[in-house]
Amino acid sequence: MKKTITVRTNSAVYGIFIGPGITGSLNSFFRASGRPDSAFIISSPRVFGLYGREITGELKTSGVNDIATGIFGDGERNKSMPNYECLLGKIIDFESGKQKQTTIIALGGGVVGDMAGFVASTYRRGVPCIQIPTTLLAAVDSSVGGKTGIDIKRNGSIIKNIAGTFYQPSAVFINTGFLGTLPESQVLNGLSEVIKYGVIRDHGLFDFIGKNRDRILNRESGVLAHIIHRSCSIKKDVVEKDEKETRNVRTILNYGHTVGHAVESASGFRYSHGQSVAIGMVCEAEISAKLGVLSREKCLRIRELIESTGLPVKIKGCSIEKIMGIMKHDKKFREGKNKFALPSDIGKVVVKTDIPERVIKSVLAGAVS
């Protein structure tokens, strides 16, 4: 069954198309919205090897015959300024001497989606970008909402997404058939973000994950489609109210990410994004409990669900000092004051600022092993 969600923000209106074989709808999408002159596919070697021929074929069937590719390595370390410059150079060469506007196609996981979105938003001050996520994480998170970015290396550490833009895609095509072949580690990586949506907005989704954990990990198509649709619907509602994070509404999507991003960088990316967010959610629920915002019982329920999936809840091989140092570079910190999205119940979250450092360090001390 195919599903469509329409996102309406101040800057753009676009569809999220979800279902098996949904990329076969590119032709009808282009007929309705206008066919691009040319397409530049940004992907990774592994993903392009799996799906590149199919997507290229769909583009040609749609009448887009002028197609080029920009392939860069997998992993967060490759979401870098040198790769960004390399991709820009390839697009410049591709367009040289042509009177055409290129549409960027992001084919891959979250790293590809972030990079392709950033390239699209900055090349010629903005060209169209279509997101085709191939991981559960990218499907429920990075492909939707318009946040783009690259990482910058500073003083021996990598600061995630410190250079970035808000730039909405022209469309998002989530082919659930692509997700059926994902390894379990990649399913868990995305499930972490789905749990986040349950904690911040949807008690029912939280309970659904607990009851259907094995079906999710077994990649049952209908179950995956349900959690993707629910997650994207929650994100759509938040993004429509606060597209550029100026009203303190979109901040709730950062639950688990303030600690999580710091752990991800401090570990040298030994922890994946999803694993880092899982640790971050456990730590930030504990901070909330220590502040009296969240009951100890609900804090334990969040930890138990995360742990039951096989996601980590402890931090290994990172010092508290390094995590704290990276956290202070986080874009969510303003004028020396931290900002956290903290659960007040399962399905509800509040934004708190200027949390005492001793509380954060105390929680990290309990998490570091």
Protein backbone atom coordinates (compact mmCIF):
# COMPACT_ATOMS: atom_id res chain seq x y z
CA MET A 1 0.00 0.00 0.00
CA LYS A 2 1.37 3.39 -1.00
CA LYS A 3 1.01 6.43 1.23
CA THR A 4 1.55 10.14 0.65
CA ILE A 5 2.22 12.91 3.15
CA THR A 6 2.17 16.54 2.03
CA VAL A 7 4.50 18.94 3.83
CA ARG A 8 3.60 22.65 3.73
CA THR A 9 6.19 25.10 5.02
CA ASN A 10 6.70 28.81 4.42
CA SER A 11 9.35 28.08 1.81
CA ALA A 12 8.02 24.98 0.04
CA VAL A 13 5.25 22.44 -0.44
CA TYR A 14 6.29 18.88 -1.26
CA GLY A 15 5.21 15.27 -1.03
CA ILE A 16 6.65 12.33 0.88
CA PHE A 17 5.78 9.20 -1.10
CA ILE A 18 6.04 5.91 0.82
CA GLY A 19 5.65 2.34 -0.40
CA PRO A 20 7.20 -0.61 -2.24
CA GLY A 21 8.45 0.36 -5.69
CA ILE A 22 7.52 3.99 -5.09
CA THR A 23 10.49 5.22 -7.14
CA GLY A 24 8.52 3.98 -10.15
CA SER A 25 6.35 7.07 -9.58
CA LEU A 26 9.16 9.44 -10.62
CA ASN A 27 7.69 9.58 -14.13
CA SER A 28 4.23 10.70 -12.96
CA PHE A 29 5.84 13.11 -10.49
CA PHE A 30 7.82 14.80 -13.27
CA ARG A 31 4.75 14.94 -15.52
CA ALA A 32 2.91 16.84 -12.77
CA SER A 33 5.74 19.07 -11.55
CA GLY A 34 7.82 19.57 -14.68
CA ARG A 35 10.67 17.45 -15.99
CA PRO A 36 14.19 18.67 -15.13
CA ASP A 37 16.65 19.35 -17.93
CA SER A 38 19.29 17.18 -16.30
CA ALA A 39 19.94 15.20 -13.13
CA PHE A 40 23.02 14.82 -10.96
CA ILE A 41 22.85 11.77 -8.68
CA ILE A 42 24.82 11.97 -5.44
CA SER A 43 25.37 8.58 -3.83
CA SER A 44 27.88 6.22 -2.22
CA PRO A 45 29.67 3.38 -4.06
CA ARG A 46 27.71 0.62 -2.30
CA VAL A 47 24.27 2.20 -2.69
CA PHE A 48 24.80 3.26 -6.29
CA GLY A 49 25.94 -0.27 -7.08
CA LEU A 50 22.66 -1.60 -5.66
CA TYR A 51 20.15 0.94 -6.94
CA GLY A 52 21.91 3.26 -9.38
CA ARG A 53 20.84 1.42 -12.52
CA GLU A 54 17.19 1.33 -11.36
CA ILE A 55 17.06 5.05 -10.56
CA THR A 56 18.92 6.01 -13.73
CA GLY A 57 16.45 3.89 -15.70
CA GLU A 58 13.47 5.59 -14.04
CA LEU A 59 14.94 9.00 -14.87
CA LYS A 60 15.44 8.04 -18.52
CA THR A 61 11.91 6.63 -18.71
CA SER A 62 10.76 10.03 -17.43
CA GLY A 63 12.59 11.74 -20.29
CA VAL A 64 15.64 12.84 -18.30
CA ASN A 65 18.55 11.63 -20.43
CA ASP A 66 21.30 14.03 -19.36
CA ILE A 67 22.50 12.34 -16.16
CA ALA A 68 25.76 12.44 -14.23
CA THR A 69 26.88 11.06 -10.87
CA GLY A 70 28.91 12.22 -7.90
CA ILE A 71 30.01 9.29 -5.75
CA PHE A 72 31.71 9.71 -2.38
CA GLY A 73 32.62 7.33 0.43
CA ASP A 74 30.29 5.93 3.07
CA GLY A 75 30.39 7.13 6.66
CA GLU A 76 30.18 10.34 8.65
CA ARG A 77 33.88 11.10 8.14
CA ASN A 78 33.19 11.65 4.45
CA LYS A 79 30.58 14.36 5.09
CA SER A 80 33.44 16.81 4.76
CA MET A 81 34.41 20.10 3.15
CA PRO A 82 36.82 18.43 0.66
CA ASN A 83 34.05 16.11 -0.58
CA TYR A 84 31.61 19.02 -0.75
CA GLU A 85 34.05 20.98 -2.93
CA CYS A 86 34.68 17.91 -5.09
CA LEU A 87 30.95 17.43 -5.73
CA LEU A 88 30.49 21.10 -6.59
CA GLY A 89 33.35 20.83 -9.06
CA LYS A 90 31.76 17.82 -10.74
CA ILE A 91 28.44 19.63 -11.14
CA ILE A 92 30.18 22.70 -12.57
CA ASP A 93 31.97 20.49 -15.11
CA PHE A 94 28.71 18.63 -15.89
CA GLU A 95 26.84 21.87 -16.58
CA SER A 96 29.68 23.53 -18.48
CA GLY A 97 28.41 25.04 -21.73
CA LYS A 98 24.81 23.96 -21.12
CA GLN A 99 21.82 26.20 -20.67
CA LYS A 100 20.16 23.82 -18.27
CA GLN A 101 19.10 23.63 -14.65
CA THR A 102 20.18 20.49 -12.88
CA THR A 103 18.12 18.65 -10.27
CA ILE A 104 20.14 16.97 -7.53
CA ILE A 105 19.07 13.40 -6.67
CA ALA A 106 20.16 12.21 -3.21
CA LEU A 107 20.33 8.40 -3.34
CA GLY A 108 21.53 6.91 -0.08
CA GLY A 109 21.49 7.15 3.68
CA GLY A 110 21.68 10.11 6.01
CA VAL A 111 25.23 11.14 5.12
CA VAL A 112 24.37 11.28 1.41
CA GLY A 113 21.10 13.10 2.11
CA ASP A 114 22.77 15.73 4.30
CA MET A 115 25.57 16.30 1.80
CA ALA A 116 23.32 16.35 -1.28
CA GLY A 117 20.92 18.76 0.40
CA PHE A 118 23.78 21.07 1.33
CA VAL A 119 25.16 20.95 -2.21
CA ALA A 120 21.71 21.67 -3.67
CA SER A 121 21.07 24.57 -1.29
CA THR A 122 24.37 26.30 -2.02
CA TYR A 123 25.00 25.56 -5.72
CA ARG A 124 23.78 28.60 -7.69
CA ARG A 125 22.06 29.69 -4.43
CA GLY A 126 19.73 26.74 -4.68
CA VAL A 127 18.70 24.08 -7.20
CA PRO A 128 15.97 21.43 -6.81
CA CYS A 129 16.77 18.34 -4.74
CA ILE A 130 14.89 15.03 -4.62
CA GLN A 131 15.61 12.77 -1.67
CA ILE A 132 15.55 8.99 -2.20
CA PRO A 133 16.57 7.51 1.17
CA THR A 134 17.83 3.93 1.23
CA THR A 135 18.07 3.43 5.01
CA LEU A 136 15.45 3.53 7.75
CA LEU A 137 17.36 6.34 9.47
CA ALA A 138 17.32 8.54 6.38
CA ALA A 139 13.67 7.68 5.68
CA VAL A 140 12.39 8.83 9.08
CA ASP A 141 14.86 11.62 9.78
CA SER A 142 17.36 13.29 7.48
CA SER A 143 15.40 13.14 4.20
CA VAL A 144 12.45 15.09 5.65
CA GLY A 145 12.38 18.62 7.06
CA GLY A 146 15.08 20.43 5.14
CA LYS A 147 18.07 20.31 7.47
CA THR A 148 21.28 19.90 5.48
CA GLY A 149 24.87 20.01 6.60
CA ILE A 150 28.47 18.91 6.61
CA ASP A 151 30.93 18.31 9.42
CA ILE A 152 34.01 20.38 10.17
CA LYS A 153 37.18 19.16 11.84
CA ARG A 154 38.42 21.38 14.66
CA ASN A 155 41.13 20.78 17.28
CA GLY A 156 41.22 17.06 16.57
CA SER A 157 37.45 16.60 16.83
CA ILE A 158 34.74 16.53 14.19
CA ILE A 159 31.85 18.92 14.85
CA LYS A 160 28.68 17.52 13.29
CA ASN A 161 26.58 19.65 10.96
CA ILE A 162 28.19 22.90 12.11
CA ALA A 163 27.97 24.15 8.51
CA GLY A 164 24.46 23.74 7.16
CA THR A 165 21.26 25.21 5.80
CA PHE A 166 17.50 24.84 5.98
CA TYR A 167 16.49 23.82 2.46
CA GLN A 168 13.38 21.78 1.75
CA PRO A 169 13.52 19.01 -0.87
CA SER A 170 11.28 19.04 -3.95
CA ALA A 171 10.06 15.54 -3.07
CA VAL A 172 10.94 12.51 -0.95
CA PHE A 173 10.53 8.98 -2.35
CA ILE A 174 10.77 6.26 0.33
CA ASN A 175 10.90 2.90 -1.44
CA THR A 176 10.24 0.40 1.37
CA GLY A 177 11.53 -2.33 -0.93
CA PHE A 178 15.01 -0.86 -0.50
CA LEU A 179 14.78 -1.37 3.28
CA GLY A 180 14.03 -5.09 3.16
CA THR A 181 17.67 -5.93 2.47
CA LEU A 182 19.16 -3.73 5.19
CA PRO A 183 21.37 -5.45 7.79
CA GLU A 184 19.94 -5.49 11.31
CA SER A 185 22.49 -2.88 12.44
CA GLN A 186 21.05 -0.41 9.92
CA VAL A 187 17.48 -1.17 11.00
CA LEU A 188 18.49 -0.48 14.61
CA ASN A 189 20.20 2.72 13.51
CA GLY A 190 16.87 4.02 12.19
CA LEU A 191 14.75 2.49 14.95
CA SER A 192 16.54 4.75 17.43
CA GLU A 193 15.02 7.79 15.71
CA VAL A 194 11.59 6.12 15.58
CA ILE A 195 11.76 5.58 19.36
CA LYS A 196 12.56 9.29 19.66
CA TYR A 197 9.32 10.18 17.88
CA GLY A 198 7.41 7.94 20.26
CA VAL A 199 8.96 9.57 23.32
CA ILE A 200 8.40 13.16 22.17
CA ARG A 201 4.98 12.91 20.54
CA ASP A 202 3.28 9.51 20.38
CA HIS A 203 2.77 7.13 23.31
CA GLY A 204 1.01 4.75 20.90
CA LEU A 205 4.06 4.55 18.63
CA PHE A 206 6.26 3.93 21.68
CA ASP A 207 4.05 1.00 22.71
CA PHE A 208 3.85 -0.28 19.11
CA ILE A 209 7.65 -0.55 18.94
CA GLY A 210 7.74 -2.54 22.18
CA LYS A 211 5.08 -4.98 20.95
CA ASN A 212 6.45 -5.31 17.41
CA ARG A 213 10.19 -5.17 17.98
CA ASP A 214 10.88 -8.54 16.33
CA ARG A 215 8.66 -7.76 13.32
CA ILE A 216 10.55 -4.47 12.84
CA LEU A 217 13.94 -6.19 13.09
CA ASN A 218 12.70 -8.85 10.64
CA ARG A 219 11.96 -5.98 8.23
CA GLU A 220 8.29 -6.79 7.68
CA SER A 221 7.21 -4.41 4.94
CA GLY A 222 3.85 -3.40 6.43
CA VAL A 223 5.33 -2.76 9.86
CA LEU A 224 8.17 -0.69 8.40
CA ALA A 225 5.70 1.33 6.32
CA HIS A 226 3.64 2.03 9.46
CA ILE A 227 6.51 3.31 11.59
CA ILE A 228 7.91 5.34 8.67
CA HIS A 229 4.53 6.95 7.96
CA ARG A 230 3.94 7.75 11.63
CA SER A 231 7.46 9.15 12.12
CA CYS A 232 7.29 11.31 8.99
CA SER A 233 3.82 12.55 9.99
CA ILE A 234 5.15 13.68 13.38
CA LYS A 235 8.13 15.38 11.78
CA LYS A 236 5.88 17.07 9.20
CA ASP A 237 3.67 18.51 11.96
CA VAL A 238 6.67 19.89 13.85
CA VAL A 239 8.45 21.28 10.77
CA GLU A 240 5.29 23.01 9.53
CA LYS A 241 5.01 24.87 12.84
CA ASP A 242 8.70 25.79 13.06
CA GLU A 243 10.56 25.32 9.78
CA LYS A 244 13.82 26.98 10.82
CA GLU A 245 13.86 26.30 14.56
CA THR A 246 13.02 29.87 15.55
CA ARG A 247 9.96 29.16 17.73
CA ASN A 248 11.32 26.51 20.09
CA VAL A 249 8.95 23.96 18.53
CA ARG A 250 11.37 22.12 16.24
CA THR A 251 13.80 21.92 19.16
CA ILE A 252 11.86 18.91 20.46
CA LEU A 253 13.27 16.89 17.55
CA ASN A 254 16.68 17.29 19.18
CA TYR A 255 15.79 14.92 22.04
CA GLY A 256 18.74 12.57 22.43
CA HIS A 257 20.89 14.57 20.03
CA THR A 258 22.64 17.03 22.35
CA VAL A 259 24.43 14.24 24.21
CA GLY A 260 24.19 11.92 21.20
CA HIS A 261 26.08 14.12 18.73
CA ALA A 262 28.84 14.66 21.31
CA VAL A 263 29.16 10.91 21.93
CA GLU A 264 29.22 10.22 18.19
CA SER A 265 32.08 12.68 17.64
CA ALA A 266 33.97 11.82 20.85
CA SER A 267 33.97 8.13 19.91
CA GLY A 268 35.54 8.92 16.54
CA PHE A 269 32.30 7.61 15.00
CA ARG A 270 32.74 4.13 16.45
CA TYR A 271 29.15 4.63 17.53
CA SER A 272 26.76 5.11 14.63
CA HIS A 273 24.31 8.01 14.64
CA GLY A 274 21.46 5.79 15.80
CA GLN A 275 23.54 4.20 18.56
CA SER A 276 24.69 7.63 19.72
CA VAL A 277 21.12 8.97 19.78
CA ALA A 278 20.03 5.91 21.78
CA ILE A 279 22.70 6.66 24.38
CA GLY A 280 21.73 10.34 24.25
CA MET A 281 18.05 9.54 24.85
CA VAL A 282 18.88 7.44 27.90
CA CYS A 283 21.18 10.16 29.29
CA GLU A 284 18.74 12.99 28.60
CA ALA A 285 15.86 11.04 30.16
CA GLU A 286 18.08 10.60 33.22
CA ILE A 287 18.83 14.34 33.27
CA SER A 288 15.09 14.96 33.12
CA ALA A 289 14.48 12.57 36.02
CA LYS A 290 17.23 14.21 38.11
CA LEU A 291 15.59 17.59 37.52
CA GLY A 292 12.21 16.21 38.59
CA VAL A 293 10.68 16.73 35.13
CA LEU A 294 10.25 13.02 34.33
CA SER A 295 9.18 10.32 36.76
CA ARG A 296 11.72 7.63 37.61
CA GLU A 297 9.26 4.99 36.35
CA LYS A 298 8.96 6.60 32.89
CA CYS A 299 12.72 7.13 32.73
CA LEU A 300 13.19 3.40 33.33
CA ARG A 301 10.60 2.52 30.65
CA ILE A 302 12.49 4.58 28.06
CA ARG A 303 15.77 2.90 28.98
CA GLU A 304 14.21 -0.57 28.95
CA LEU A 305 12.69 -0.15 25.47
CA ILE A 306 15.96 1.12 24.02
CA GLU A 307 17.97 -1.66 25.69
CA SER A 308 15.47 -4.35 24.61
CA THR A 309 16.11 -3.58 20.93
CA GLY A 310 19.84 -4.17 21.28
CA LEU A 311 20.80 -0.50 21.08
CA PRO A 312 23.52 0.63 23.52
CA VAL A 313 22.75 2.51 26.72
CA LYS A 314 26.33 2.85 28.02
CA ILE A 315 29.29 4.81 26.68
CA LYS A 316 32.58 2.96 26.21
CA GLY A 317 35.95 4.44 25.37
CA CYS A 318 35.08 8.14 25.76
CA SER A 319 35.99 10.56 28.53
CA ILE A 320 33.44 12.82 30.17
CA GLU A 321 35.71 15.80 29.50
CA LYS A 322 35.86 15.14 25.75
CA ILE A 323 32.08 14.67 25.52
CA MET A 324 31.47 17.90 27.46
CA GLY A 325 33.99 19.81 25.33
CA ILE A 326 32.34 18.75 22.08
CA MET A 327 28.88 19.43 23.48
CA LYS A 328 29.81 23.07 24.09
CA HIS A 329 30.40 23.49 20.33
CA ASP A 330 26.89 22.21 19.64
CA LYS A 331 24.76 24.61 17.60
CA LYS A 332 22.02 24.26 20.22
CA PHE A 333 24.20 26.14 22.72
CA ARG A 334 23.69 29.90 22.72
CA GLU A 335 25.61 32.53 24.71
CA GLY A 336 27.21 29.80 26.79
CA LYS A 337 23.84 28.30 27.76
CA ASN A 338 22.88 24.77 26.90
CA LYS A 339 19.47 23.75 25.56
CA PHE A 340 17.91 20.32 25.93
CA ALA A 341 14.65 18.73 24.81
CA LEU A 342 13.70 16.64 27.85
CA PRO A 343 10.83 14.15 28.14
CA SER A 344 8.23 15.02 30.76
CA ASP A 345 6.21 11.88 29.98
CA ILE A 346 6.14 9.27 27.24
CA GLY A 347 4.70 11.25 24.35
CA LYS A 348 5.55 14.66 25.79
CA VAL A 349 8.68 16.78 25.89
CA VAL A 350 9.72 20.18 27.24
CA VAL A 351 12.62 22.45 26.33
CA LYS A 352 14.96 23.38 29.18
CA THR A 353 17.92 25.76 29.07
CA ASP A 354 20.95 26.36 31.27
CA ILE A 355 20.94 22.98 32.98
CA PRO A 356 23.69 22.89 35.64
CA GLU A 357 26.88 21.31 34.33
CA ARG A 358 27.18 19.20 37.47
CA VAL A 359 23.88 17.47 36.61
CA ILE A 360 25.04 16.66 33.07
CA LYS A 361 28.43 15.41 34.31
CA SER A 362 26.76 13.29 36.98
CA VAL A 363 24.61 11.57 34.36
CA LEU A 364 27.56 11.05 32.02
CA ALA A 365 29.58 9.58 34.90
CA GLY A 366 26.85 6.99 35.34
CA ALA A 367 26.80 6.23 31.61
CA VAL A 368 30.54 6.01 30.89
CA SER A 369 31.97 2.54 31.44
